[in-house]
Every structure is written in C-alpha cells, then in structure tokens.
Amino acid sequence: MDPQGPVLVEGPVEIVLDDGTVARSDRFMVALCTCRRSRAYPWCDTSHRRRERAEPPPGNRKPR
C-alpha cells in the first residue's frame, strides 16, 4: 500500500469539497485522492506515482 496513494470507497459517493461544491460519482468503486496532486481532485488520477525513467537492463546498454 502506498501511503500517498488513494483511498478506495464503494460507490456511489458524494463528496463535499472545501468550497462547498459537491462532487458525485455513480461508479461502484471510487479512488479518492489523498496526495492532492490529482488534476481530477477529489478523484485519483495516479499523480501520486513517481515519474522515473526506467534504466535499461545491464546487458542492453550501449557502450559510450
């Protein structure tokens, strides 16, 4: 489990945001953002995941 990851909630759900607006989802399972990086807040868009380039395996590296 990622401590910065989402909270999964059985839907449908209604969330009252800080500004008083209500976000609704009729999905059977909803991922709520806990890191506040999501562009679709309060819904998780996986922005909590690290964006790192994967290094190629040692045998596939090109000589310099």
Protein backbone atom coordinates (compact mmCIF):
# COMPACT_ATOMS: atom_id res chain seq x y z
CA MET A 1 0.00 0.00 0.00
CA ASP A 2 1.29 3.46 -0.93
CA PRO A 3 0.82 5.95 1.95
CA GLN A 4 0.43 8.68 -0.68
CA GLY A 5 -1.98 6.58 -2.72
CA PRO A 6 -5.75 6.78 -2.99
CA VAL A 7 -8.47 5.60 -0.64
CA LEU A 8 -10.86 3.16 -2.32
CA VAL A 9 -14.52 3.69 -1.42
CA GLU A 10 -17.58 1.73 -2.50
CA GLY A 11 -19.84 3.95 -4.58
CA PRO A 12 -21.90 5.73 -5.45
CA VAL A 13 -20.47 8.65 -3.43
CA GLU A 14 -20.98 12.35 -2.85
CA ILE A 15 -18.05 14.42 -1.56
CA VAL A 16 -18.49 17.94 -0.19
CA LEU A 17 -15.34 19.93 -1.10
CA ASP A 18 -13.77 22.75 0.95
CA ASP A 19 -15.54 25.38 -1.15
CA GLY A 20 -18.94 23.74 -0.57
CA THR A 21 -19.35 22.23 -4.02
CA VAL A 22 -20.41 18.60 -4.24
CA ALA A 23 -18.55 16.05 -6.36
CA ARG A 24 -20.58 12.96 -7.28
CA SER A 25 -19.70 9.59 -8.73
CA ASP A 26 -22.07 6.76 -9.61
CA ARG A 27 -19.27 4.21 -10.05
CA PHE A 28 -19.33 1.03 -7.95
CA MET A 29 -15.78 1.76 -6.66
CA VAL A 30 -14.14 5.19 -6.40
CA ALA A 31 -10.48 6.11 -5.79
CA LEU A 32 -10.25 9.28 -3.68
CA CYS A 33 -7.06 11.33 -3.91
CA THR A 34 -5.14 11.76 -0.65
CA CYS A 35 -2.00 13.46 -2.02
CA ARG A 36 -3.84 16.45 -3.58
CA ARG A 37 -1.72 16.18 -6.77
CA SER A 38 -4.62 14.93 -8.89
CA ARG A 39 -5.85 17.15 -11.71
CA ALA A 40 -9.23 15.48 -11.24
CA TYR A 41 -9.38 16.12 -7.47
CA PRO A 42 -11.09 14.67 -5.40
CA TRP A 43 -10.78 11.67 -7.72
CA CYS A 44 -7.38 9.96 -8.04
CA ASP A 45 -5.65 10.18 -11.43
CA THR A 46 -2.48 8.33 -10.26
CA SER A 47 -0.47 11.55 -9.89
CA HIS A 48 0.91 10.13 -6.63
CA ARG A 49 3.04 7.68 -8.61
CA ARG A 50 6.67 8.59 -9.12
CA ARG A 51 7.64 9.57 -12.65
CA GLU A 52 11.08 7.99 -13.05
CA ARG A 53 12.71 6.72 -16.23
CA ALA A 54 13.42 3.05 -16.17
CA GLU A 55 17.06 2.17 -16.75
CA PRO A 56 17.61 -0.45 -19.47
CA PRO A 57 18.81 -3.85 -18.24
CA PRO A 58 22.65 -4.04 -17.91
CA GLY A 59 23.02 -6.35 -20.95
CA ASN A 60 21.17 -3.92 -23.24
CA ARG A 61 23.19 -0.77 -22.52
CA LYS A 62 25.06 0.78 -25.42
CA PRO A 63 28.80 1.42 -24.94
CA ARG A 64 29.81 5.08 -24.73
